[in-house]
Amino acid sequence: MLVWPLLICGTFCLPHVRGKVLSLMDAFEDDYCEDLRVAREIILEQWKCMDGGLGRQSFADLMLRIGKYVLLI
């Protein structure tokens, strides 16, 4: 399943490659639509935190922040 590698690696990406991560997620959207939508929300929230100087956040904190409780970590 491609969602987990994209989610984990995507949260570590620097700004200049983020577009590639989102494009790769888009390419597989038909196969994993809901999973990828939630993963995209988590990645975007992670990037927002990183860009805001908060650093990387735990997945649990990110899910709480966006109100998604879909991943068991």
PDB file of N, CA and C in Angstrom:
ATOM      1  N   MET A   1       0.838  -1.172   0.000  1.00  0.00           N
ATOM      2  CA  MET A   1       0.000   0.000   0.000  1.00  0.00           C
ATOM      3  C   MET A   1       0.890   1.244   0.000  1.00  0.00           C
ATOM      4  N   LEU A   2       0.608   2.144  -0.860  1.00  0.00           N
ATOM      5  CA  LEU A   2       1.463   3.320  -1.039  1.00  0.00           C
ATOM      6  C   LEU A   2       1.177   4.463  -0.080  1.00  0.00           C
ATOM      7  N   VAL A   3       0.088   4.411   0.629  1.00  0.00           N
ATOM      8  CA  VAL A   3      -0.285   5.541   1.477  1.00  0.00           C
ATOM      9  C   VAL A   3       0.740   5.772   2.583  1.00  0.00           C
ATOM     10  N   TRP A   4       1.142   4.715   3.287  1.00  0.00           N
ATOM     11  CA  TRP A   4       2.064   4.894   4.410  1.00  0.00           C
ATOM     12  C   TRP A   4       3.424   5.446   3.990  1.00  0.00           C
ATOM     13  N   PRO A   5       4.074   4.879   2.960  1.00  0.00           N
ATOM     14  CA  PRO A   5       5.358   5.458   2.557  1.00  0.00           C
ATOM     15  C   PRO A   5       5.226   6.925   2.131  1.00  0.00           C
ATOM     16  N   LEU A   6       4.166   7.239   1.408  1.00  0.00           N
ATOM     17  CA  LEU A   6       3.962   8.636   0.996  1.00  0.00           C
ATOM     18  C   LEU A   6       3.740   9.532   2.199  1.00  0.00           C
ATOM     19  N   LEU A   7       2.954   9.070   3.130  1.00  0.00           N
ATOM     20  CA  LEU A   7       2.669   9.863   4.320  1.00  0.00           C
ATOM     21  C   LEU A   7       3.924  10.102   5.144  1.00  0.00           C
ATOM     22  N   ILE A   8       4.663   9.054   5.393  1.00  0.00           N
ATOM     23  CA  ILE A   8       5.863   9.187   6.224  1.00  0.00           C
ATOM     24  C   ILE A   8       6.935  10.007   5.520  1.00  0.00           C
ATOM     25  N   CYS A   9       7.259   9.637   4.290  1.00  0.00           N
ATOM     26  CA  CYS A   9       8.289  10.375   3.550  1.00  0.00           C
ATOM     27  C   CYS A   9       7.854  11.805   3.251  1.00  0.00           C
ATOM     28  N   GLY A  10       6.579  11.966   2.942  1.00  0.00           N
ATOM     29  CA  GLY A  10       6.073  13.298   2.618  1.00  0.00           C
ATOM     30  C   GLY A  10       6.207  14.284   3.754  1.00  0.00           C
ATOM     31  N   THR A  11       6.094  13.801   4.978  1.00  0.00           N
ATOM     32  CA  THR A  11       6.205  14.720   6.103  1.00  0.00           C
ATOM     33  C   THR A  11       7.641  15.191   6.344  1.00  0.00           C
ATOM     34  N   PHE A  12       8.606  14.529   5.736  1.00  0.00           N
ATOM     35  CA  PHE A  12      10.002  14.934   5.864  1.00  0.00           C
ATOM     36  C   PHE A  12      10.486  15.783   4.690  1.00  0.00           C
ATOM     37  N   CYS A  13       9.652  15.955   3.665  1.00  0.00           N
ATOM     38  CA  CYS A  13      10.080  16.640   2.444  1.00  0.00           C
ATOM     39  C   CYS A  13      10.317  18.126   2.660  1.00  0.00           C
ATOM     40  N   LEU A  14      11.326  18.604   2.002  1.00  0.00           N
ATOM     41  CA  LEU A  14      11.595  20.038   1.995  1.00  0.00           C
ATOM     42  C   LEU A  14      10.650  20.720   1.012  1.00  0.00           C
ATOM     43  N   PRO A  15      10.442  22.012   1.178  1.00  0.00           N
ATOM     44  CA  PRO A  15       9.464  22.720   0.346  1.00  0.00           C
ATOM     45  C   PRO A  15       9.632  22.543  -1.159  1.00  0.00           C
ATOM     46  N   HIS A  16      10.848  22.431  -1.652  1.00  0.00           N
ATOM     47  CA  HIS A  16      11.038  22.377  -3.100  1.00  0.00           C
ATOM     48  C   HIS A  16      10.605  21.049  -3.733  1.00  0.00           C
ATOM     49  N   VAL A  17      10.313  20.021  -2.950  1.00  0.00           N
ATOM     50  CA  VAL A  17       9.843  18.750  -3.514  1.00  0.00           C
ATOM     51  C   VAL A  17       8.415  18.397  -3.094  1.00  0.00           C
ATOM     52  N   ARG A  18       7.781  19.254  -2.366  1.00  0.00           N
ATOM     53  CA  ARG A  18       6.428  18.970  -1.881  1.00  0.00           C
ATOM     54  C   ARG A  18       5.434  18.795  -3.022  1.00  0.00           C
ATOM     55  N   GLY A  19       5.582  19.543  -4.066  1.00  0.00           N
ATOM     56  CA  GLY A  19       4.692  19.410  -5.216  1.00  0.00           C
ATOM     57  C   GLY A  19       4.747  18.026  -5.826  1.00  0.00           C
ATOM     58  N   LYS A  20       5.929  17.425  -5.827  1.00  0.00           N
ATOM     59  CA  LYS A  20       6.081  16.067  -6.358  1.00  0.00           C
ATOM     60  C   LYS A  20       5.345  15.061  -5.485  1.00  0.00           C
ATOM     61  N   VAL A  21       5.388  15.256  -4.190  1.00  0.00           N
ATOM     62  CA  VAL A  21       4.678  14.362  -3.277  1.00  0.00           C
ATOM     63  C   VAL A  21       3.177  14.431  -3.544  1.00  0.00           C
ATOM     64  N   LEU A  22       2.657  15.637  -3.659  1.00  0.00           N
ATOM     65  CA  LEU A  22       1.224  15.805  -3.912  1.00  0.00           C
ATOM     66  C   LEU A  22       0.835  15.251  -5.274  1.00  0.00           C
ATOM     67  N   SER A  23       1.704  15.407  -6.278  1.00  0.00           N
ATOM     68  CA  SER A  23       1.421  14.855  -7.606  1.00  0.00           C
ATOM     69  C   SER A  23       1.370  13.331  -7.573  1.00  0.00           C
ATOM     70  N   LEU A  24       2.258  12.722  -6.820  1.00  0.00           N
ATOM     71  CA  LEU A  24       2.251  11.268  -6.704  1.00  0.00           C
ATOM     72  C   LEU A  24       0.986  10.783  -6.002  1.00  0.00           C
ATOM     73  N   MET A  25       0.556  11.503  -4.997  1.00  0.00           N
ATOM     74  CA  MET A  25      -0.695  11.147  -4.330  1.00  0.00           C
ATOM     75  C   MET A  25      -1.865  11.259  -5.302  1.00  0.00           C
ATOM     76  N   ASP A  26      -1.866  12.299  -6.105  1.00  0.00           N
ATOM     77  CA  ASP A  26      -2.935  12.491  -7.091  1.00  0.00           C
ATOM     78  C   ASP A  26      -2.984  11.343  -8.092  1.00  0.00           C
ATOM     79  N   ALA A  27      -1.820  10.832  -8.465  1.00  0.00           N
ATOM     80  CA  ALA A  27      -1.750   9.769  -9.466  1.00  0.00           C
ATOM     81  C   ALA A  27      -2.435   8.488  -8.988  1.00  0.00           C
ATOM     82  N   PHE A  28      -2.498   8.268  -7.689  1.00  0.00           N
ATOM     83  CA  PHE A  28      -3.088   7.051  -7.144  1.00  0.00           C
ATOM     84  C   PHE A  28      -4.444   7.283  -6.480  1.00  0.00           C
ATOM     85  N   GLU A  29      -5.001   8.458  -6.658  1.00  0.00           N
ATOM     86  CA  GLU A  29      -6.239   8.800  -5.966  1.00  0.00           C
ATOM     87  C   GLU A  29      -7.402   7.869  -6.300  1.00  0.00           C
ATOM     88  N   ASP A  30      -7.495   7.409  -7.537  1.00  0.00           N
ATOM     89  CA  ASP A  30      -8.604   6.527  -7.912  1.00  0.00           C
ATOM     90  C   ASP A  30      -8.575   5.198  -7.153  1.00  0.00           C
ATOM     91  N   ASP A  31      -7.397   4.753  -6.771  1.00  0.00           N
ATOM     92  CA  ASP A  31      -7.271   3.478  -6.074  1.00  0.00           C
ATOM     93  C   ASP A  31      -7.421   3.585  -4.559  1.00  0.00           C
ATOM     94  N   TYR A  32      -7.013   4.701  -4.001  1.00  0.00           N
ATOM     95  CA  TYR A  32      -7.015   4.865  -2.545  1.00  0.00           C
ATOM     96  C   TYR A  32      -7.641   6.202  -2.163  1.00  0.00           C
ATOM     97  N   CYS A  33      -8.805   6.511  -2.697  1.00  0.00           N
ATOM     98  CA  CYS A  33      -9.341   7.862  -2.585  1.00  0.00           C
ATOM     99  C   CYS A  33      -9.443   8.371  -1.144  1.00  0.00           C
ATOM    100  N   GLU A  34     -10.123   7.679  -0.249  1.00  0.00           N
ATOM    101  CA  GLU A  34     -10.305   8.207   1.112  1.00  0.00           C
ATOM    102  C   GLU A  34      -9.004   8.193   1.897  1.00  0.00           C
ATOM    103  N   ASP A  35      -8.246   7.127   1.788  1.00  0.00           N
ATOM    104  CA  ASP A  35      -6.964   7.058   2.490  1.00  0.00           C
ATOM    105  C   ASP A  35      -6.044   8.191   2.062  1.00  0.00           C
ATOM    106  N   LEU A  36      -5.973   8.437   0.775  1.00  0.00           N
ATOM    107  CA  LEU A  36      -5.089   9.498   0.289  1.00  0.00           C
ATOM    108  C   LEU A  36      -5.601  10.882   0.656  1.00  0.00           C
ATOM    109  N   ARG A  37      -6.895  11.067   0.716  1.00  0.00           N
ATOM    110  CA  ARG A  37      -7.426  12.374   1.128  1.00  0.00           C
ATOM    111  C   ARG A  37      -7.015  12.686   2.566  1.00  0.00           C
ATOM    112  N   VAL A  38      -7.132  11.711   3.431  1.00  0.00           N
ATOM    113  CA  VAL A  38      -6.748  11.914   4.824  1.00  0.00           C
ATOM    114  C   VAL A  38      -5.233  12.081   4.941  1.00  0.00           C
ATOM    115  N   ALA A  39      -4.480  11.263   4.216  1.00  0.00           N
ATOM    116  CA  ALA A  39      -3.021  11.389   4.236  1.00  0.00           C
ATOM    117  C   ALA A  39      -2.602  12.779   3.753  1.00  0.00           C
ATOM    118  N   ARG A  40      -3.264  13.290   2.725  1.00  0.00           N
ATOM    119  CA  ARG A  40      -2.961  14.628   2.216  1.00  0.00           C
ATOM    120  C   ARG A  40      -3.222  15.682   3.299  1.00  0.00           C
ATOM    121  N   GLU A  41      -4.333  15.547   4.001  1.00  0.00           N
ATOM    122  CA  GLU A  41      -4.642  16.499   5.076  1.00  0.00           C
ATOM    123  C   GLU A  41      -3.567  16.469   6.162  1.00  0.00           C
ATOM    124  N   ILE A  42      -3.127  15.266   6.505  1.00  0.00           N
ATOM    125  CA  ILE A  42      -2.091  15.130   7.536  1.00  0.00           C
ATOM    126  C   ILE A  42      -0.781  15.737   7.059  1.00  0.00           C
ATOM    127  N   ILE A  43      -0.395  15.447   5.833  1.00  0.00           N
ATOM    128  CA  ILE A  43       0.849  16.006   5.294  1.00  0.00           C
ATOM    129  C   ILE A  43       0.779  17.524   5.229  1.00  0.00           C
ATOM    130  N   LEU A  44      -0.325  18.063   4.745  1.00  0.00           N
ATOM    131  CA  LEU A  44      -0.459  19.524   4.650  1.00  0.00           C
ATOM    132  C   LEU A  44      -0.404  20.170   6.033  1.00  0.00           C
ATOM    133  N   GLU A  45      -0.999  19.529   7.019  1.00  0.00           N
ATOM    134  CA  GLU A  45      -0.943  20.066   8.382  1.00  0.00           C
ATOM    135  C   GLU A  45       0.474  19.997   8.937  1.00  0.00           C
ATOM    136  N   GLN A  46       1.178  18.900   8.632  1.00  0.00           N
ATOM    137  CA  GLN A  46       2.571  18.777   9.068  1.00  0.00           C
ATOM    138  C   GLN A  46       3.424  19.886   8.454  1.00  0.00           C
ATOM    139  N   TRP A  47       3.256  20.109   7.154  1.00  0.00           N
ATOM    140  CA  TRP A  47       4.023  21.158   6.482  1.00  0.00           C
ATOM    141  C   TRP A  47       3.695  22.534   7.054  1.00  0.00           C
ATOM    142  N   LYS A  48       2.438  22.740   7.371  1.00  0.00           N
ATOM    143  CA  LYS A  48       2.018  24.012   7.969  1.00  0.00           C
ATOM    144  C   LYS A  48       2.730  24.229   9.307  1.00  0.00           C
ATOM    145  N   CYS A  49       2.792  23.183  10.122  1.00  0.00           N
ATOM    146  CA  CYS A  49       3.490  23.272  11.408  1.00  0.00           C
ATOM    147  C   CYS A  49       4.978  23.530  11.207  1.00  0.00           C
ATOM    148  N   MET A  50       5.576  22.797  10.284  1.00  0.00           N
ATOM    149  CA  MET A  50       7.014  22.971  10.028  1.00  0.00           C
ATOM    150  C   MET A  50       7.306  24.371   9.514  1.00  0.00           C
ATOM    151  N   ASP A  51       6.491  24.841   8.581  1.00  0.00           N
ATOM    152  CA  ASP A  51       6.694  26.180   8.024  1.00  0.00           C
ATOM    153  C   ASP A  51       6.436  27.269   9.058  1.00  0.00           C
ATOM    154  N   GLY A  52       5.593  26.967  10.039  1.00  0.00           N
ATOM    155  CA  GLY A  52       5.284  27.924  11.098  1.00  0.00           C
ATOM    156  C   GLY A  52       6.264  27.900  12.246  1.00  0.00           C
ATOM    157  N   GLY A  53       7.334  27.116  12.103  1.00  0.00           N
ATOM    158  CA  GLY A  53       8.364  27.071  13.130  1.00  0.00           C
ATOM    159  C   GLY A  53       8.062  26.133  14.286  1.00  0.00           C
ATOM    160  N   LEU A  54       7.044  25.307  14.164  1.00  0.00           N
ATOM    161  CA  LEU A  54       6.686  24.384  15.242  1.00  0.00           C
ATOM    162  C   LEU A  54       7.423  23.054  15.152  1.00  0.00           C
ATOM    163  N   GLY A  55       8.124  22.821  14.051  1.00  0.00           N
ATOM    164  CA  GLY A  55       8.827  21.558  13.855  1.00  0.00           C
ATOM    165  C   GLY A  55       7.872  20.429  13.516  1.00  0.00           C
ATOM    166  N   ARG A  56       8.429  19.229  13.398  1.00  0.00           N
ATOM    167  CA  ARG A  56       7.600  18.059  13.087  1.00  0.00           C
ATOM    168  C   ARG A  56       6.742  17.724  14.282  1.00  0.00           C
ATOM    169  N   GLN A  57       5.514  17.340  13.996  1.00  0.00           N
ATOM    170  CA  GLN A  57       4.549  16.955  15.016  1.00  0.00           C
ATOM    171  C   GLN A  57       4.300  15.452  14.920  1.00  0.00           C
ATOM    172  N   SER A  58       3.844  14.855  15.991  1.00  0.00           N
ATOM    173  CA  SER A  58       3.489  13.430  15.949  1.00  0.00           C
ATOM    174  C   SER A  58       2.223  13.265  15.122  1.00  0.00           C
ATOM    175  N   PHE A  59       2.055  12.089  14.534  1.00  0.00           N
ATOM    176  CA  PHE A  59       0.848  11.827  13.767  1.00  0.00           C
ATOM    177  C   PHE A  59      -0.387  11.938  14.660  1.00  0.00           C
ATOM    178  N   ALA A  60      -0.289  11.497  15.904  1.00  0.00           N
ATOM    179  CA  ALA A  60      -1.427  11.587  16.832  1.00  0.00           C
ATOM    180  C   ALA A  60      -1.835  13.044  17.039  1.00  0.00           C
ATOM    181  N   ASP A  61      -0.868  13.928  17.219  1.00  0.00           N
ATOM    182  CA  ASP A  61      -1.175  15.350  17.400  1.00  0.00           C
ATOM    183  C   ASP A  61      -1.786  15.956  16.138  1.00  0.00           C
ATOM    184  N   LEU A  62      -1.272  15.560  14.990  1.00  0.00           N
ATOM    185  CA  LEU A  62      -1.811  16.075  13.732  1.00  0.00           C
ATOM    186  C   LEU A  62      -3.245  15.619  13.521  1.00  0.00           C
ATOM    187  N   MET A  63      -3.524  14.349  13.800  1.00  0.00           N
ATOM    188  CA  MET A  63      -4.885  13.840  13.630  1.00  0.00           C
ATOM    189  C   MET A  63      -5.845  14.538  14.582  1.00  0.00           C
ATOM    190  N   LEU A  64      -5.406  14.773  15.800  1.00  0.00           N
ATOM    191  CA  LEU A  64      -6.232  15.488  16.766  1.00  0.00           C
ATOM    192  C   LEU A  64      -6.524  16.903  16.268  1.00  0.00           C
ATOM    193  N   ARG A  65      -5.504  17.561  15.747  1.00  0.00           N
ATOM    194  CA  ARG A  65      -5.638  18.934  15.275  1.00  0.00           C
ATOM    195  C   ARG A  65      -6.630  19.048  14.117  1.00  0.00           C
ATOM    196  N   ILE A  66      -6.625  18.081  13.204  1.00  0.00           N
ATOM    197  CA  ILE A  66      -7.525  18.167  12.041  1.00  0.00           C
ATOM    198  C   ILE A  66      -8.811  17.368  12.223  1.00  0.00           C
ATOM    199  N   GLY A  67      -8.947  16.704  13.377  1.00  0.00           N
ATOM    200  CA  GLY A  67     -10.166  15.974  13.667  1.00  0.00           C
ATOM    201  C   GLY A  67     -10.335  14.692  12.882  1.00  0.00           C
ATOM    202  N   LYS A  68      -9.229  14.038  12.562  1.00  0.00           N
ATOM    203  CA  LYS A  68      -9.257  12.751  11.859  1.00  0.00           C
ATOM    204  C   LYS A  68      -8.640  11.701  12.767  1.00  0.00           C
ATOM    205  N   TYR A  69      -9.380  10.655  13.019  1.00  0.00           N
ATOM    206  CA  TYR A  69      -8.898   9.596  13.903  1.00  0.00           C
ATOM    207  C   TYR A  69      -8.917   8.277  13.142  1.00  0.00           C
ATOM    208  N   VAL A  70      -8.155   8.238  12.070  1.00  0.00           N
ATOM    209  CA  VAL A  70      -8.234   7.096  11.175  1.00  0.00           C
ATOM    210  C   VAL A  70      -7.023   6.184  11.220  1.00  0.00           C
ATOM    211  N   LEU A  71      -5.938   6.652  11.743  1.00  0.00           N
ATOM    212  CA  LEU A  71      -4.713   5.867  11.724  1.00  0.00           C
ATOM    213  C   LEU A  71      -4.420   5.311  13.104  1.00  0.00           C
ATOM    214  N   LEU A  72      -4.079   4.060  13.145  1.00  0.00           N
ATOM    215  CA  LEU A  72      -3.700   3.454  14.417  1.00  0.00           C
ATOM    216  C   LEU A  72      -2.194   3.370  14.460  1.00  0.00           C
ATOM    217  N   ILE A  73      -1.597   4.237  15.224  1.00  0.00           N
ATOM    218  CA  ILE A  73      -0.132   4.316  15.293  1.00  0.00           C
ATOM    219  C   ILE A  73       0.316   4.014  16.707  1.00  0.00           C
TER     220      ILE A  73
END
